[in-house]
C-alpha atoms as a PDB file:
ATOM      1  CA  MET A   1       0.000   0.000   0.000  1.00  0.00           C
ATOM      2  CA  ALA A   2       2.895   2.398   0.739  1.00  0.00           C
ATOM      3  CA  ASP A   3       3.652   2.883  -2.958  1.00  0.00           C
ATOM      4  CA  LYS A   4       0.106   3.998  -3.772  1.00  0.00           C
ATOM      5  CA  ASN A   5      -0.856   7.618  -4.469  1.00  0.00           C
ATOM      6  CA  ILE A   6      -3.164   9.780  -2.376  1.00  0.00           C
ATOM      7  CA  THR A   7      -6.254   9.046  -4.487  1.00  0.00           C
ATOM      8  CA  GLU A   8      -5.844   5.294  -3.986  1.00  0.00           C
ATOM      9  CA  ILE A   9      -5.297   5.714  -0.259  1.00  0.00           C
ATOM     10  CA  LEU A  10      -8.396   7.899   0.093  1.00  0.00           C
ATOM     11  CA  GLN A  11     -10.417   5.385  -1.909  1.00  0.00           C
ATOM     12  CA  SER A  12      -9.265   2.619   0.432  1.00  0.00           C
ATOM     13  CA  ILE A  13     -10.370   4.683   3.439  1.00  0.00           C
ATOM     14  CA  LYS A  14     -13.741   5.363   1.798  1.00  0.00           C
ATOM     15  CA  GLU A  15     -14.250   1.644   1.141  1.00  0.00           C
ATOM     16  CA  GLY A  16     -13.279   0.733   4.692  1.00  0.00           C
ATOM     17  CA  ARG A  17     -10.141  -1.165   3.755  1.00  0.00           C
ATOM     18  CA  LEU A  18      -8.048   1.360   5.700  1.00  0.00           C
ATOM     19  CA  SER A  19      -8.750   3.287   8.856  1.00  0.00           C
ATOM     20  CA  VAL A  20      -8.357   7.069   8.858  1.00  0.00           C
ATOM     21  CA  GLU A  21      -5.321   6.694  11.124  1.00  0.00           C
ATOM     22  CA  GLU A  22      -3.682   4.160   8.799  1.00  0.00           C
ATOM     23  CA  GLY A  23      -4.425   6.339   5.796  1.00  0.00           C
ATOM     24  CA  ASN A  24      -2.897   9.371   7.485  1.00  0.00           C
ATOM     25  CA  VAL A  25       0.314   7.449   8.153  1.00  0.00           C
ATOM     26  CA  LEU A  26       0.516   6.324   4.522  1.00  0.00           C
ATOM     27  CA  ILE A  27      -0.174   9.794   3.120  1.00  0.00           C
ATOM     28  CA  THR A  28       2.451  11.302   5.412  1.00  0.00           C
ATOM     29  CA  SER A  29       4.952   8.678   4.298  1.00  0.00           C
ATOM     30  CA  LEU A  30       4.402   9.712   0.669  1.00  0.00           C
ATOM     31  CA  TYR A  31       5.809  13.174   1.377  1.00  0.00           C
ATOM     32  CA  ASN A  32       8.200  12.643   4.271  1.00  0.00           C
ATOM     33  CA  GLU A  33      10.441   9.982   5.675  1.00  0.00           C
ATOM     34  CA  ASP A  34      11.383  10.339   9.325  1.00  0.00           C
ATOM     35  CA  LEU A  35      14.854   9.048  10.149  1.00  0.00           C
ATOM     36  CA  GLY A  36      14.617  10.158  13.762  1.00  0.00           C
ATOM     37  CA  PHE A  37      17.262  12.872  13.448  1.00  0.00           C
ATOM     38  CA  ALA A  38      16.045  14.172  10.069  1.00  0.00           C
ATOM     39  CA  VAL A  39      12.843  14.203   8.023  1.00  0.00           C
ATOM     40  CA  ILE A  40      13.442  13.792   4.292  1.00  0.00           C
ATOM     41  CA  ASP A  41      11.122  15.806   2.052  1.00  0.00           C
ATOM     42  CA  THR A  42      10.706  13.105  -0.573  1.00  0.00           C
ATOM     43  CA  ARG A  43       8.238  14.908  -2.859  1.00  0.00           C
ATOM     44  CA  ARG A  44       9.773  18.411  -2.930  1.00  0.00           C
ATOM     45  CA  GLU A  45      10.532  18.142  -6.636  1.00  0.00           C
ATOM     46  CA  GLU A  46       6.829  17.709  -7.404  1.00  0.00           C
ATOM     47  CA  ARG A  47       6.051  21.002  -5.609  1.00  0.00           C
ATOM     48  CA  THR A  48       9.025  23.156  -6.565  1.00  0.00           C
ATOM     49  CA  GLY A  49      10.720  21.453  -9.509  1.00  0.00           C
ATOM     50  CA  TYR A  50      13.807  20.725  -7.422  1.00  0.00           C
ATOM     51  CA  PRO A  51      14.587  17.882  -5.003  1.00  0.00           C
ATOM     52  CA  GLU A  52      15.665  18.518  -1.433  1.00  0.00           C
ATOM     53  CA  VAL A  53      19.343  19.428  -1.091  1.00  0.00           C
ATOM     54  CA  VAL A  54      21.467  18.148   1.792  1.00  0.00           C
ATOM     55  CA  PHE A  55      23.338  20.859   3.722  1.00  0.00           C
ATOM     56  CA  CYS A  56      26.164  18.763   5.147  1.00  0.00           C
ATOM     57  CA  ALA A  57      27.932  21.226   7.428  1.00  0.00           C
ATOM     58  CA  GLY A  58      27.141  20.597  11.109  1.00  0.00           C
ATOM     59  CA  LYS A  59      25.902  17.055  10.481  1.00  0.00           C
ATOM     60  CA  ARG A  60      27.882  14.048  11.670  1.00  0.00           C
ATOM     61  CA  VAL A  61      29.213  11.890   8.852  1.00  0.00           C
ATOM     62  CA  GLU A  62      26.912   9.025   9.749  1.00  0.00           C
ATOM     63  CA  GLN A  63      23.877  11.330   9.758  1.00  0.00           C
ATOM     64  CA  ALA A  64      24.590  12.849   6.357  1.00  0.00           C
ATOM     65  CA  LEU A  65      25.430   9.416   4.967  1.00  0.00           C
ATOM     66  CA  ALA A  66      22.128   7.974   6.222  1.00  0.00           C
ATOM     67  CA  ILE A  67      20.155  10.819   4.614  1.00  0.00           C
ATOM     68  CA  ILE A  68      21.997  10.471   1.295  1.00  0.00           C
ATOM     69  CA  THR A  69      21.662   6.684   1.311  1.00  0.00           C
ATOM     70  CA  ARG A  70      17.915   6.796   1.901  1.00  0.00           C
ATOM     71  CA  MET A  71      17.414   9.422  -0.788  1.00  0.00           C
ATOM     72  CA  ARG A  72      19.276   7.259  -3.301  1.00  0.00           C
ATOM     73  CA  GLU A  73      17.244   4.215  -2.261  1.00  0.00           C
ATOM     74  CA  ARG A  74      14.156   6.240  -3.156  1.00  0.00           C
ATOM     75  CA  GLY A  75      15.685   7.102  -6.523  1.00  0.00           C
ATOM     76  CA  LEU A  76      16.199  10.777  -5.695  1.00  0.00           C
ATOM     77  CA  PRO A  77      19.134  12.742  -7.111  1.00  0.00           C
ATOM     78  CA  VAL A  78      21.385  14.052  -4.345  1.00  0.00           C
ATOM     79  CA  LEU A  79      23.242  17.328  -4.082  1.00  0.00           C
ATOM     80  CA  GLY A  80      25.242  17.752  -0.872  1.00  0.00           C
ATOM     81  CA  THR A  81      26.621  21.212  -0.104  1.00  0.00           C
ATOM     82  CA  LYS A  82      29.461  22.169   2.270  1.00  0.00           C
ATOM     83  CA  ALA A  83      30.508  18.508   2.323  1.00  0.00           C
ATOM     84  CA  GLY A  84      33.887  17.648   3.800  1.00  0.00           C
ATOM     85  CA  PRO A  85      36.352  15.047   2.472  1.00  0.00           C
ATOM     86  CA  GLU A  86      35.505  12.554   5.237  1.00  0.00           C
ATOM     87  CA  LEU A  87      31.857  12.465   4.219  1.00  0.00           C
ATOM     88  CA  ALA A  88      32.796  12.281   0.547  1.00  0.00           C
ATOM     89  CA  GLU A  89      34.957   9.249   1.220  1.00  0.00           C
ATOM     90  CA  ALA A  90      32.160   7.547   3.152  1.00  0.00           C
ATOM     91  CA  VAL A  91      29.614   8.241   0.407  1.00  0.00           C
ATOM     92  CA  ARG A  92      31.917   7.115  -2.395  1.00  0.00           C
ATOM     93  CA  SER A  93      32.679   3.868  -0.583  1.00  0.00           C
ATOM     94  CA  ARG A  94      28.950   3.106  -0.785  1.00  0.00           C
ATOM     95  CA  PHE A  95      28.220   4.875  -4.086  1.00  0.00           C
ATOM     96  CA  PRO A  96      31.363   4.787  -6.281  1.00  0.00           C
ATOM     97  CA  GLU A  97      29.592   6.865  -8.932  1.00  0.00           C
ATOM     98  CA  ALA A  98      29.344   9.856  -6.585  1.00  0.00           C
ATOM     99  CA  ALA A  99      31.175  12.976  -7.753  1.00  0.00           C
ATOM    100  CA  TYR A 100      32.982  15.256  -5.304  1.00  0.00           C
ATOM    101  CA  ASP A 101      34.685  18.595  -5.764  1.00  0.00           C
ATOM    102  CA  GLU A 102      36.846  19.371  -2.730  1.00  0.00           C
ATOM    103  CA  LEU A 103      37.271  23.060  -3.547  1.00  0.00           C
ATOM    104  CA  ALA A 104      33.536  23.644  -3.963  1.00  0.00           C
ATOM    105  CA  ARG A 105      32.713  21.095  -1.231  1.00  0.00           C
ATOM    106  CA  ILE A 106      29.955  19.788  -3.494  1.00  0.00           C
ATOM    107  CA  LEU A 107      28.918  16.133  -3.487  1.00  0.00           C
ATOM    108  CA  SER A 108      26.493  14.840  -6.117  1.00  0.00           C
ATOM    109  CA  LEU A 109      24.808  11.622  -7.194  1.00  0.00           C
ATOM    110  CA  GLY A 110      22.577  11.718 -10.225  1.00  0.00           C
ATOM    111  CA  ALA A 111      21.303  14.990 -11.657  1.00  0.00           C
ATOM    112  CA  LEU A 112      18.164  16.501 -13.076  1.00  0.00           C
ATOM    113  CA  ALA A 113      17.603  16.076 -16.798  1.00  0.00           C
ATOM    114  CA  VAL A 114      19.129  18.853 -18.881  1.00  0.00           C
ATOM    115  CA  GLU A 115      16.315  20.880 -20.402  1.00  0.00           C
ATOM    116  CA  GLY A 116      18.203  22.740 -23.140  1.00  0.00           C
ATOM    117  CA  THR A 117      18.370  25.887 -21.059  1.00  0.00           C
ATOM    118  CA  GLY A 118      20.547  28.876 -21.878  1.00  0.00           C
ATOM    119  CA  LEU A 119      23.987  29.669 -20.575  1.00  0.00           C
ATOM    120  CA  VAL A 120      24.858  30.609 -16.998  1.00  0.00           C
ATOM    121  CA  VAL A 121      28.197  32.402 -16.694  1.00  0.00           C
ATOM    122  CA  VAL A 122      29.929  32.449 -13.312  1.00  0.00           C
ATOM    123  CA  ALA A 123      32.540  35.219 -13.128  1.00  0.00           C
ATOM    124  CA  ALA A 124      34.971  35.052 -10.212  1.00  0.00           C
ATOM    125  CA  ALA A 125      36.913  38.170  -9.275  1.00  0.00           C
ATOM    126  CA  GLY A 126      39.948  36.292  -7.995  1.00  0.00           C
ATOM    127  CA  THR A 127      41.366  32.823  -7.561  1.00  0.00           C
ATOM    128  CA  SER A 128      40.535  33.112  -3.849  1.00  0.00           C
ATOM    129  CA  ASP A 129      36.832  33.340  -4.787  1.00  0.00           C
ATOM    130  CA  LEU A 130      36.833  30.064  -6.693  1.00  0.00           C
ATOM    131  CA  SER A 131      35.438  27.960  -3.848  1.00  0.00           C
ATOM    132  CA  ALA A 132      32.143  29.876  -3.826  1.00  0.00           C
ATOM    133  CA  ALA A 133      32.224  30.283  -7.610  1.00  0.00           C
ATOM    134  CA  LYS A 134      32.581  26.556  -8.218  1.00  0.00           C
ATOM    135  CA  GLU A 135      29.826  25.801  -5.713  1.00  0.00           C
ATOM    136  CA  ALA A 136      27.543  28.099  -7.709  1.00  0.00           C
ATOM    137  CA  ALA A 137      28.622  26.637 -11.041  1.00  0.00           C
ATOM    138  CA  LEU A 138      28.234  22.998  -9.978  1.00  0.00           C
ATOM    139  CA  THR A 139      24.836  23.711  -8.407  1.00  0.00           C
ATOM    140  CA  ALA A 140      23.466  25.317 -11.570  1.00  0.00           C
ATOM    141  CA  GLU A 141      24.940  22.494 -13.637  1.00  0.00           C
ATOM    142  CA  PHE A 142      23.415  19.831 -11.385  1.00  0.00           C
ATOM    143  CA  PHE A 143      19.984  21.368 -11.884  1.00  0.00           C
ATOM    144  CA  GLY A 144      20.283  21.359 -15.660  1.00  0.00           C
ATOM    145  CA  SER A 145      21.983  24.563 -16.808  1.00  0.00           C
ATOM    146  CA  ARG A 146      24.890  24.916 -19.182  1.00  0.00           C
ATOM    147  CA  VAL A 147      27.593  26.712 -17.222  1.00  0.00           C
ATOM    148  CA  GLU A 148      30.809  28.527 -18.051  1.00  0.00           C
ATOM    149  CA  LEU A 149      33.173  29.564 -15.263  1.00  0.00           C
ATOM    150  CA  ILE A 150      35.392  32.579 -15.854  1.00  0.00           C
ATOM    151  CA  ALA A 151      38.152  33.074 -13.284  1.00  0.00           C
ATOM    152  CA  ASP A 152      40.270  36.027 -12.167  1.00  0.00           C
ATOM    153  CA  VAL A 153      38.443  38.959 -13.776  1.00  0.00           C
ATOM    154  CA  GLY A 154      38.339  41.295 -10.783  1.00  0.00           C
ATOM    155  CA  VAL A 155      38.304  45.071 -11.079  1.00  0.00           C
ATOM    156  CA  ALA A 156      41.938  45.461  -9.971  1.00  0.00           C
ATOM    157  CA  GLY A 157      42.860  44.317 -13.487  1.00  0.00           C
ATOM    158  CA  ILE A 158      39.721  45.410 -15.240  1.00  0.00           C
ATOM    159  CA  HIS A 159      41.205  44.843 -18.701  1.00  0.00           C
ATOM    160  CA  ARG A 160      40.887  41.122 -17.984  1.00  0.00           C
ATOM    161  CA  LEU A 161      37.153  41.557 -17.532  1.00  0.00           C
ATOM    162  CA  PHE A 162      36.792  43.572 -20.733  1.00  0.00           C
ATOM    163  CA  ALA A 163      38.588  40.795 -22.623  1.00  0.00           C
ATOM    164  CA  ARG A 164      35.812  38.391 -21.561  1.00  0.00           C
ATOM    165  CA  LEU A 165      32.867  40.644 -22.407  1.00  0.00           C
ATOM    166  CA  PRO A 166      31.895  38.567 -25.480  1.00  0.00           C
ATOM    167  CA  ASP A 167      31.549  35.530 -23.195  1.00  0.00           C
ATOM    168  CA  LEU A 168      29.576  37.468 -20.572  1.00  0.00           C
ATOM    169  CA  ARG A 169      27.196  38.827 -23.187  1.00  0.00           C
ATOM    170  CA  LYS A 170      26.287  35.298 -24.334  1.00  0.00           C
ATOM    171  CA  ALA A 171      24.832  34.510 -20.913  1.00  0.00           C
ATOM    172  CA  ARG A 172      21.169  34.413 -19.988  1.00  0.00           C
ATOM    173  CA  VAL A 173      22.152  35.064 -16.360  1.00  0.00           C
ATOM    174  CA  ILE A 174      25.487  35.938 -14.739  1.00  0.00           C
ATOM    175  CA  ILE A 175      26.755  35.181 -11.245  1.00  0.00           C
ATOM    176  CA  ALA A 176      29.378  37.732 -10.154  1.00  0.00           C
ATOM    177  CA  VAL A 177      31.534  36.371  -7.334  1.00  0.00           C
ATOM    178  CA  ALA A 178      33.750  38.726  -5.337  1.00  0.00           C
ATOM    179  CA  GLY A 179      35.125  39.465  -1.904  1.00  0.00           C
ATOM    180  CA  MET A 180      37.034  42.575  -0.812  1.00  0.00           C
ATOM    181  CA  GLU A 181      34.752  45.540  -1.704  1.00  0.00           C
ATOM    182  CA  GLY A 182      32.553  43.445  -4.038  1.00  0.00           C
ATOM    183  CA  ALA A 183      32.751  45.871  -6.966  1.00  0.00           C
ATOM    184  CA  LEU A 184      32.654  43.235  -9.707  1.00  0.00           C
ATOM    185  CA  ALA A 185      28.861  42.793  -9.690  1.00  0.00           C
ATOM    186  CA  GLY A 186      28.130  46.468 -10.278  1.00  0.00           C
ATOM    187  CA  VAL A 187      30.694  46.747 -13.053  1.00  0.00           C
ATOM    188  CA  ILE A 188      29.313  43.706 -14.882  1.00  0.00           C
ATOM    189  CA  ALA A 189      25.702  44.877 -14.458  1.00  0.00           C
ATOM    190  CA  GLY A 190      26.631  48.118 -16.201  1.00  0.00           C
ATOM    191  CA  LEU A 191      27.977  46.256 -19.224  1.00  0.00           C
ATOM    192  CA  VAL A 192      25.441  43.489 -19.993  1.00  0.00           C
ATOM    193  CA  LYS A 193      21.725  42.931 -20.630  1.00  0.00           C
ATOM    194  CA  ALA A 194      21.434  39.792 -18.500  1.00  0.00           C
ATOM    195  CA  PRO A 195      20.358  39.770 -14.856  1.00  0.00           C
ATOM    196  CA  VAL A 196      23.304  39.607 -12.446  1.00  0.00           C
ATOM    197  CA  ILE A 197      23.323  37.592  -9.235  1.00  0.00           C
ATOM    198  CA  ALA A 198      25.919  39.017  -6.854  1.00  0.00           C
ATOM    199  CA  LEU A 199      27.669  36.467  -4.655  1.00  0.00           C
ATOM    200  CA  PRO A 200      29.807  38.075  -1.924  1.00  0.00           C
ATOM    201  CA  THR A 201      32.623  36.002  -0.466  1.00  0.00           C
ATOM    202  CA  SER A 202      34.421  36.166   2.853  1.00  0.00           C
ATOM    203  CA  VAL A 203      37.716  36.855   1.051  1.00  0.00           C
ATOM    204  CA  GLY A 204      39.532  40.028   2.065  1.00  0.00           C
ATOM    205  CA  TYR A 205      41.614  41.855   4.641  1.00  0.00           C
ATOM    206  CA  GLY A 206      40.424  42.902   8.094  1.00  0.00           C
ATOM    207  CA  ALA A 207      38.089  45.734   7.121  1.00  0.00           C
ATOM    208  CA  SER A 208      36.217  43.421   4.775  1.00  0.00           C
ATOM    209  CA  PHE A 209      34.711  41.931   7.955  1.00  0.00           C
ATOM    210  CA  GLY A 210      34.452  38.402   6.608  1.00  0.00           C
ATOM    211  CA  GLY A 211      32.473  39.399   3.525  1.00  0.00           C
ATOM    212  CA  ILE A 212      30.197  42.042   5.045  1.00  0.00           C
ATOM    213  CA  SER A 213      31.897  44.817   3.072  1.00  0.00           C
ATOM    214  CA  ALA A 214      31.351  42.924  -0.190  1.00  0.00           C
ATOM    215  CA  LEU A 215      27.752  42.159   0.775  1.00  0.00           C
ATOM    216  CA  LEU A 216      26.961  45.785   1.567  1.00  0.00           C
ATOM    217  CA  GLY A 217      28.754  47.014  -1.546  1.00  0.00           C
ATOM    218  CA  MET A 218      26.681  44.680  -3.712  1.00  0.00           C
ATOM    219  CA  LEU A 219      23.449  45.613  -1.956  1.00  0.00           C
ATOM    220  CA  THR A 220      24.127  49.335  -2.417  1.00  0.00           C
ATOM    221  CA  SER A 221      25.380  49.171  -6.007  1.00  0.00           C
ATOM    222  CA  CYS A 222      23.919  51.891  -8.245  1.00  0.00           C
ATOM    223  CA  ALA A 223      23.798  49.506 -11.226  1.00  0.00           C
ATOM    224  CA  PRO A 224      20.277  48.079 -11.749  1.00  0.00           C
ATOM    225  CA  GLY A 225      19.546  44.452 -12.482  1.00  0.00           C
ATOM    226  CA  ILE A 226      21.446  43.004  -9.495  1.00  0.00           C
ATOM    227  CA  SER A 227      20.133  40.588  -6.889  1.00  0.00           C
ATOM    228  CA  VAL A 228      22.316  39.543  -3.963  1.00  0.00           C
ATOM    229  CA  VAL A 229      22.662  36.269  -2.053  1.00  0.00           C
ATOM    230  CA  ASN A 230      24.313  35.702   1.299  1.00  0.00           C
ATOM    231  CA  ILE A 231      28.055  35.586   1.941  1.00  0.00           C
ATOM    232  CA  ASP A 232      29.697  32.446   0.458  1.00  0.00           C
ATOM    233  CA  ASN A 233      26.276  31.094  -0.562  1.00  0.00           C
ATOM    234  CA  GLY A 234      27.322  29.586  -3.874  1.00  0.00           C
ATOM    235  CA  PHE A 235      24.462  27.121  -3.682  1.00  0.00           C
ATOM    236  CA  GLY A 236      21.878  29.897  -3.394  1.00  0.00           C
ATOM    237  CA  ALA A 237      23.377  31.775  -6.332  1.00  0.00           C
ATOM    238  CA  GLY A 238      23.488  28.672  -8.529  1.00  0.00           C
ATOM    239  CA  TYR A 239      19.931  27.723  -7.610  1.00  0.00           C
ATOM    240  CA  GLN A 240      18.617  31.206  -8.378  1.00  0.00           C
ATOM    241  CA  ALA A 241      20.519  31.348 -11.660  1.00  0.00           C
ATOM    242  CA  ASN A 242      18.985  28.083 -12.753  1.00  0.00           C
ATOM    243  CA  LEU A 243      15.482  29.305 -11.848  1.00  0.00           C
ATOM    244  CA  ILE A 244      15.984  32.345 -14.075  1.00  0.00           C
ATOM    245  CA  ASN A 245      17.466  30.173 -16.792  1.00  0.00           C
ATOM    246  CA  ARG A 246      14.468  27.855 -16.741  1.00  0.00           C
ATOM    247  CA  LEU A 247      12.053  30.770 -17.019  1.00  0.00           C
ATOM    248  CA  GLY A 248      13.871  31.934 -20.138  1.00  0.00           C
ATOM    249  CA  SER A 249      13.609  28.482 -21.669  1.00  0.00           C
ATOM    250  CA  SER A 250       9.856  28.222 -21.077  1.00  0.00           C
ATOM    251  CA  SER A 251       9.025  31.628 -22.522  1.00  0.00           C
END
């Protein structure tokens, strides 16, 4: 009975083959699976178009592994963010096909079907920003976008950015990744037609306050067309970029 849909469960209750209490348990199990320490949202993709993502930081290895294992047993694609090497090793010992990028701290098994969406360009100001930039790029790619990562085009050597303008102008959406004062997003937004997602990083000297200076600079940019995610939130930027990309494909 557990593999039936809601209509079949309700019909069984109506016909007296299930009690209301039994039906409630079955319906709940269709949408959630309680592991005791975590409740997996098994039908999130049906509601939002995206499966639940596992935020791995702060979880014990055995907890994250149990969540990932159960999701795979249910046939769900898995994206794990902020995943450390110890967890990656544990997952790959059980699922050798799992992919792991240590710099981005992204762990993935399976992926959503590519839908022929447009191009997402991730532009990183400096090499030090690549961890967040790659997290954004791999997230958007996992969810079905074509992605191009452009590295080291910060405003301190702005000629390097101008040299990549043809690539930036091919994008349907751009993620601008920068620490320090976070100027890259505003500069790019003044040069392209595409929406720009500003991703501040915690890279910088003392007065950058762990990314707060970049965050505030991006929030207060005078260039229109910019949205801003939280500090080092490459996942959020990649997710948002893919949402925009999908909208463009369905228009």
